[in-house]
Amino acid sequence: MRRVKARPPIWRQLAPHIAIGVGAVGLAALMTAALVKYAPAPPKFAPMLADAHEAFVDFTAAAGLRLEALTVEGRKMTRPEDVLAALEVSRGSPILTIDVAEARAALEALPWVKAAQVERQLPNTVHVMIQERTPYALWQQASQYTLVDRDGQPIVTVPEADPALKLIVGPDAPKYAKELFDTLNTVPDMAARVRAAVRVGGRRWNIYLDHYEHGIAIRLPEKDVAAAWERLASLEHDYKILARDLDFIDLRQNDRLIVRLHTDPNAAPEKTPKKKSGPTAVLTHGTGGTT
């Protein structure tokens, strides 16, 4: 009966490869330190350094320090091919030649990527961690729609409006949308009814409840939006004003409330102050009277 020769422990099998890898990393550190200490090198040494660098890279690749696996964490909307194109790497590339800082910057230039980290996991893996942007609102410019995040950063254009997202309109609307919606969210029940917000003259907002085309337009003041919104919340609580067939409610004056009724249920609501449709009522603050 033949005796089966026992295999050596796994650590002994890997020991030569580990030693080569550690030696390669150590050599890389020494070369880097030398280049930093004595840089810039005299021009006559440039070819010699280039040859040394190439030989060193070949040595590390032969020792097993080459890319065999790329793992990506946190990717949902970013396409895999865009990640690969940003990294500019391929299987078998010497792993020590991958510039993680440049790779991170290239990834963060992708539209969906808010932040990224790139790590070498020696001997043969690069691990990418991505934090993607979350769509916060839909920015309309003429017939074009663009997803934007809470910071007002445009993400990508989309072919049509998404009813799940609030619509914002105006050249500077993305910059100020977060501030507006944070204020509106202090009254959750009414905030849930906001479908669109239009930036007027780069100074203030008109918001539209329930529907952009057929809902009630709320004209907010330039300053103290929170107080005006709370005022409307009180009117809704006490008088159910938002249940009326109204074209718009103007909250721009502290001492009075201006409302306009729809005269034709099928008529489009007012979108600019110039349009005239239906009777207008002015309610003086504190009296509930009409003037």
Protein backbone atom coordinates (compact mmCIF):
# COMPACT_ATOMS: atom_id res chain seq x y z
CA MET A 1 0.00 0.00 0.00
CA ARG A 2 1.46 3.33 -1.11
CA ARG A 3 1.80 6.07 1.40
CA VAL A 4 0.33 9.37 0.38
CA LYS A 5 2.71 12.20 0.94
CA ALA A 6 1.16 14.89 3.12
CA ARG A 7 0.72 18.27 1.47
CA PRO A 8 2.50 21.16 3.16
CA PRO A 9 0.36 23.65 5.09
CA ILE A 10 -1.30 26.36 3.04
CA TRP A 11 0.88 29.06 4.57
CA ARG A 12 3.99 27.30 3.27
CA GLN A 13 2.50 27.11 -0.20
CA LEU A 14 1.76 30.83 -0.19
CA ALA A 15 4.96 31.89 1.51
CA PRO A 16 7.00 32.45 -1.70
CA HIS A 17 4.23 34.53 -3.25
CA ILE A 18 3.78 36.55 -0.05
CA ALA A 19 7.51 37.19 0.13
CA ILE A 20 7.61 38.36 -3.48
CA GLY A 21 4.62 40.61 -2.93
CA VAL A 22 6.03 42.15 0.23
CA GLY A 23 9.38 42.64 -1.46
CA ALA A 24 7.73 44.34 -4.42
CA VAL A 25 5.77 46.68 -2.19
CA GLY A 26 8.90 47.49 -0.21
CA LEU A 27 10.84 48.19 -3.37
CA ALA A 28 8.04 50.42 -4.57
CA ALA A 29 8.16 52.38 -1.33
CA LEU A 30 11.93 52.82 -1.55
CA MET A 31 11.78 53.97 -5.15
CA THR A 32 8.96 56.39 -4.39
CA ALA A 33 10.86 57.84 -1.43
CA ALA A 34 13.99 58.23 -3.52
CA LEU A 35 12.13 59.94 -6.35
CA VAL A 36 10.42 62.32 -3.95
CA LYS A 37 13.64 63.14 -2.10
CA TYR A 38 15.73 63.83 -5.14
CA ALA A 39 13.09 65.02 -7.63
CA PRO A 40 13.26 66.49 -10.09
CA ALA A 41 15.93 64.20 -11.48
CA PRO A 42 18.52 65.60 -13.89
CA PRO A 43 17.39 65.17 -17.51
CA LYS A 44 20.21 62.75 -18.25
CA PHE A 45 18.75 60.31 -15.71
CA ALA A 46 15.21 60.44 -17.11
CA PRO A 47 15.63 57.51 -19.55
CA MET A 48 17.27 55.45 -16.82
CA LEU A 49 14.43 56.15 -14.38
CA ALA A 50 11.82 55.38 -17.04
CA ASP A 51 13.48 52.03 -17.76
CA ALA A 52 13.74 51.28 -14.04
CA HIS A 53 10.10 52.14 -13.52
CA GLU A 54 9.01 49.93 -16.40
CA ALA A 55 11.14 47.06 -15.13
CA PHE A 56 9.72 47.49 -11.65
CA VAL A 57 6.15 47.46 -12.94
CA ASP A 58 6.84 44.31 -14.95
CA PHE A 59 8.40 42.71 -11.89
CA THR A 60 5.38 43.46 -9.67
CA ALA A 61 2.99 42.13 -12.32
CA ALA A 62 5.03 38.94 -12.66
CA ALA A 63 4.93 38.62 -8.88
CA GLY A 64 1.12 38.56 -8.98
CA LEU A 65 0.33 42.23 -8.35
CA ARG A 66 -1.93 42.59 -11.35
CA LEU A 67 -5.63 43.33 -11.65
CA GLU A 68 -7.78 40.21 -11.75
CA ALA A 69 -10.97 41.40 -10.03
CA LEU A 70 -12.93 44.66 -9.86
CA THR A 71 -15.68 44.94 -7.26
CA VAL A 72 -18.16 47.81 -7.09
CA GLU A 73 -20.33 48.68 -4.09
CA GLY A 74 -23.29 51.10 -4.08
CA ARG A 75 -23.93 51.20 -7.82
CA LYS A 76 -27.59 51.33 -8.87
CA MET A 77 -28.07 53.91 -11.62
CA THR A 78 -24.48 54.18 -12.87
CA ARG A 79 -23.84 51.82 -15.77
CA PRO A 80 -21.02 49.24 -15.33
CA GLU A 81 -19.45 50.27 -18.63
CA ASP A 82 -19.26 53.88 -17.40
CA VAL A 83 -17.39 52.74 -14.29
CA LEU A 84 -14.90 50.78 -16.38
CA ALA A 85 -14.42 53.68 -18.78
CA ALA A 86 -13.78 56.07 -15.89
CA LEU A 87 -11.22 53.78 -14.27
CA GLU A 88 -9.43 53.05 -17.58
CA VAL A 89 -8.27 49.64 -16.35
CA SER A 90 -8.33 46.15 -17.80
CA ARG A 91 -7.74 42.66 -16.51
CA GLY A 92 -4.04 41.95 -16.12
CA SER A 93 -3.00 45.58 -15.62
CA PRO A 94 -0.26 46.07 -13.01
CA ILE A 95 -2.26 47.01 -9.93
CA LEU A 96 0.35 49.43 -8.58
CA THR A 97 0.05 51.61 -11.70
CA ILE A 98 -3.59 52.43 -10.92
CA ASP A 99 -3.79 56.00 -9.58
CA VAL A 100 -6.60 55.82 -7.01
CA ALA A 101 -6.89 59.61 -6.75
CA GLU A 102 -7.35 60.01 -10.50
CA ALA A 103 -9.76 57.08 -10.55
CA ARG A 104 -11.85 58.65 -7.79
CA ALA A 105 -11.97 62.00 -9.61
CA ALA A 106 -13.02 60.29 -12.85
CA LEU A 107 -15.81 58.40 -11.07
CA GLU A 108 -17.07 61.55 -9.33
CA ALA A 109 -17.33 63.22 -12.74
CA LEU A 110 -20.03 60.71 -13.72
CA PRO A 111 -23.52 62.24 -13.51
CA TRP A 112 -25.03 59.87 -10.93
CA VAL A 113 -21.95 59.69 -8.68
CA LYS A 114 -21.87 62.07 -5.72
CA ALA A 115 -18.81 60.58 -4.02
CA ALA A 116 -16.50 57.64 -4.64
CA GLN A 117 -13.64 55.75 -3.01
CA VAL A 118 -11.16 53.50 -4.78
CA GLU A 119 -9.04 50.97 -2.91
CA ARG A 120 -6.34 48.56 -4.01
CA GLN A 121 -6.76 45.23 -2.27
CA LEU A 122 -3.48 43.45 -2.91
CA PRO A 123 -2.52 41.35 -4.62
CA ASN A 124 -5.10 41.53 -7.43
CA THR A 125 -8.32 43.39 -6.59
CA VAL A 126 -9.58 46.96 -6.92
CA HIS A 127 -12.65 47.79 -4.82
CA VAL A 128 -14.85 50.78 -5.71
CA MET A 129 -17.40 52.31 -3.33
CA ILE A 130 -19.95 54.67 -4.89
CA GLN A 131 -22.44 57.03 -3.27
CA GLU A 132 -25.01 57.96 -5.88
CA ARG A 133 -27.15 61.06 -6.06
CA THR A 134 -30.83 60.79 -5.13
CA PRO A 135 -33.33 62.61 -7.36
CA TYR A 136 -35.07 65.29 -5.31
CA ALA A 137 -37.02 67.29 -7.89
CA LEU A 138 -37.66 67.55 -11.60
CA TRP A 139 -36.36 70.73 -13.20
CA GLN A 140 -38.31 71.87 -16.27
CA GLN A 141 -36.63 74.05 -18.87
CA ALA A 142 -38.99 74.58 -21.80
CA SER A 143 -39.75 71.02 -22.93
CA GLN A 144 -36.69 69.49 -21.24
CA TYR A 145 -36.78 67.75 -17.87
CA THR A 146 -33.71 67.25 -15.67
CA LEU A 147 -33.41 65.32 -12.42
CA VAL A 148 -31.72 67.32 -9.65
CA ASP A 149 -30.61 66.31 -6.16
CA ARG A 150 -31.11 68.10 -2.83
CA ASP A 151 -27.97 70.17 -3.40
CA GLY A 152 -29.40 71.51 -6.66
CA GLN A 153 -26.94 69.49 -8.73
CA PRO A 154 -28.37 68.42 -12.12
CA ILE A 155 -28.08 64.67 -12.64
CA VAL A 156 -29.45 63.58 -16.01
CA THR A 157 -32.15 64.65 -18.44
CA VAL A 158 -35.22 62.44 -18.76
CA PRO A 159 -37.70 62.19 -21.63
CA GLU A 160 -40.83 63.07 -19.65
CA ALA A 161 -42.10 64.33 -16.29
CA ASP A 162 -42.09 61.95 -13.34
CA PRO A 163 -45.27 62.40 -11.25
CA ALA A 164 -43.45 61.05 -8.20
CA LEU A 165 -41.20 64.12 -8.13
CA LYS A 166 -42.08 67.77 -7.52
CA LEU A 167 -41.69 69.96 -10.57
CA ILE A 168 -39.54 73.10 -10.31
CA VAL A 169 -39.32 75.83 -12.94
CA GLY A 170 -36.94 78.77 -13.30
CA PRO A 171 -33.26 79.28 -14.16
CA ASP A 172 -32.19 79.31 -10.49
CA ALA A 173 -34.90 76.98 -9.19
CA PRO A 174 -32.53 74.05 -8.36
CA LYS A 175 -30.38 76.29 -6.16
CA TYR A 176 -33.27 77.37 -3.93
CA ALA A 177 -35.62 74.37 -4.13
CA LYS A 178 -34.31 72.63 -1.00
CA GLU A 179 -34.82 75.76 1.13
CA LEU A 180 -38.38 76.14 -0.17
CA PHE A 181 -39.41 72.51 0.30
CA ASP A 182 -37.85 72.35 3.77
CA THR A 183 -40.07 75.29 4.73
CA LEU A 184 -43.17 73.77 3.15
CA ASN A 185 -42.53 70.46 4.93
CA THR A 186 -43.15 72.15 8.28
CA VAL A 187 -46.85 71.65 7.42
CA PRO A 188 -46.77 68.07 6.11
CA ASP A 189 -50.43 67.78 5.08
CA MET A 190 -50.24 70.80 2.78
CA ALA A 191 -46.71 70.03 1.61
CA ALA A 192 -47.94 66.66 0.35
CA ARG A 193 -50.30 68.50 -1.99
CA VAL A 194 -47.55 70.61 -3.63
CA ARG A 195 -46.96 69.40 -7.17
CA ALA A 196 -44.92 72.26 -8.65
CA ALA A 197 -42.96 75.37 -7.73
CA VAL A 198 -42.17 78.18 -10.15
CA ARG A 199 -39.38 80.66 -9.37
CA VAL A 200 -40.58 84.18 -10.24
CA GLY A 201 -38.01 86.78 -11.20
CA GLY A 202 -35.28 85.05 -9.25
CA ARG A 203 -36.84 86.43 -6.05
CA ARG A 204 -39.82 84.37 -4.90
CA TRP A 205 -42.01 81.34 -5.63
CA ASN A 206 -45.45 80.46 -6.91
CA ILE A 207 -46.43 76.96 -5.87
CA TYR A 208 -49.22 74.80 -7.27
CA LEU A 209 -51.32 72.43 -5.20
CA ASP A 210 -52.67 69.09 -6.42
CA HIS A 211 -51.90 69.71 -10.09
CA TYR A 212 -49.61 72.04 -12.01
CA GLU A 213 -52.12 72.74 -14.79
CA HIS A 214 -55.39 72.69 -12.86
CA GLY A 215 -54.50 73.17 -9.21
CA ILE A 216 -54.56 76.23 -6.95
CA ALA A 217 -51.66 78.66 -7.44
CA ILE A 218 -50.21 79.99 -4.18
CA ARG A 219 -48.24 83.21 -4.58
CA LEU A 220 -45.64 83.28 -1.84
CA PRO A 221 -43.87 86.47 -0.68
CA GLU A 222 -40.23 87.20 -1.34
CA LYS A 223 -39.41 87.12 2.39
CA ASP A 224 -40.77 85.30 5.41
CA VAL A 225 -42.16 82.37 3.45
CA ALA A 226 -42.54 80.32 6.63
CA ALA A 227 -44.94 82.85 8.17
CA ALA A 228 -47.02 83.03 4.99
CA TRP A 229 -47.20 79.24 4.81
CA GLU A 230 -48.30 79.01 8.46
CA ARG A 231 -50.91 81.65 7.76
CA LEU A 232 -52.32 79.56 4.92
CA ALA A 233 -52.28 76.50 7.18
CA SER A 234 -54.37 78.37 9.76
CA LEU A 235 -56.87 79.46 7.10
CA GLU A 236 -57.14 75.89 5.87
CA HIS A 237 -57.66 74.59 9.41
CA ASP A 238 -60.30 77.18 10.28
CA TYR A 239 -62.10 77.74 6.97
CA LYS A 240 -61.06 74.92 4.61
CA ILE A 241 -60.02 77.55 2.09
CA LEU A 242 -58.24 75.04 -0.13
CA ALA A 243 -61.50 73.19 -0.72
CA ARG A 244 -62.87 76.21 -2.60
CA ASP A 245 -62.83 76.45 -6.39
CA LEU A 246 -59.93 78.92 -6.43
CA ASP A 247 -57.63 79.99 -9.23
CA PHE A 248 -55.00 81.47 -6.92
CA ILE A 249 -54.30 82.67 -3.39
CA ASP A 250 -51.96 85.64 -3.03
CA LEU A 251 -50.05 85.69 0.28
CA ARG A 252 -47.60 88.45 -0.59
CA GLN A 253 -49.16 91.09 1.67
CA ASN A 254 -49.15 90.56 5.42
CA ASP A 255 -52.35 92.51 6.13
CA ARG A 256 -54.58 91.04 3.45
CA LEU A 257 -55.31 87.91 1.46
CA ILE A 258 -56.20 88.06 -2.22
CA VAL A 259 -58.01 85.15 -3.85
CA ARG A 260 -59.51 84.61 -7.28
CA LEU A 261 -62.25 82.17 -8.18
CA HIS A 262 -62.42 80.02 -11.26
CA THR A 263 -65.23 81.17 -13.59
CA ASP A 264 -64.91 78.18 -15.91
CA PRO A 265 -64.06 74.79 -14.41
CA ASN A 266 -62.40 73.82 -17.69
CA ALA A 267 -60.33 76.99 -17.96
CA ALA A 268 -56.59 76.76 -17.42
CA PRO A 269 -55.42 78.30 -14.11
CA GLU A 270 -53.50 81.52 -14.01
CA LYS A 271 -49.77 81.09 -14.60
CA THR A 272 -48.71 84.77 -14.67
CA PRO A 273 -49.93 87.85 -12.80
CA LYS A 274 -51.04 89.41 -16.13
CA LYS A 275 -53.88 86.99 -16.74
CA LYS A 276 -57.38 88.15 -15.72
CA SER A 277 -60.09 85.54 -15.10
CA GLY A 278 -62.89 85.35 -12.56
CA PRO A 279 -63.82 87.60 -9.64
CA THR A 280 -61.14 88.63 -7.17
CA ALA A 281 -61.72 88.98 -3.42
CA VAL A 282 -59.50 90.90 -0.99
CA LEU A 283 -59.78 89.73 2.60
CA THR A 284 -58.49 92.18 5.20
CA HIS A 285 -56.39 90.54 7.88
CA GLY A 286 -58.08 90.19 11.28
CA THR A 287 -61.63 91.03 10.20
CA GLY A 288 -62.54 88.26 7.81
CA GLY A 289 -64.26 90.95 5.72
CA THR A 290 -64.06 91.50 2.00
CA THR A 291 -63.05 94.78 0.41
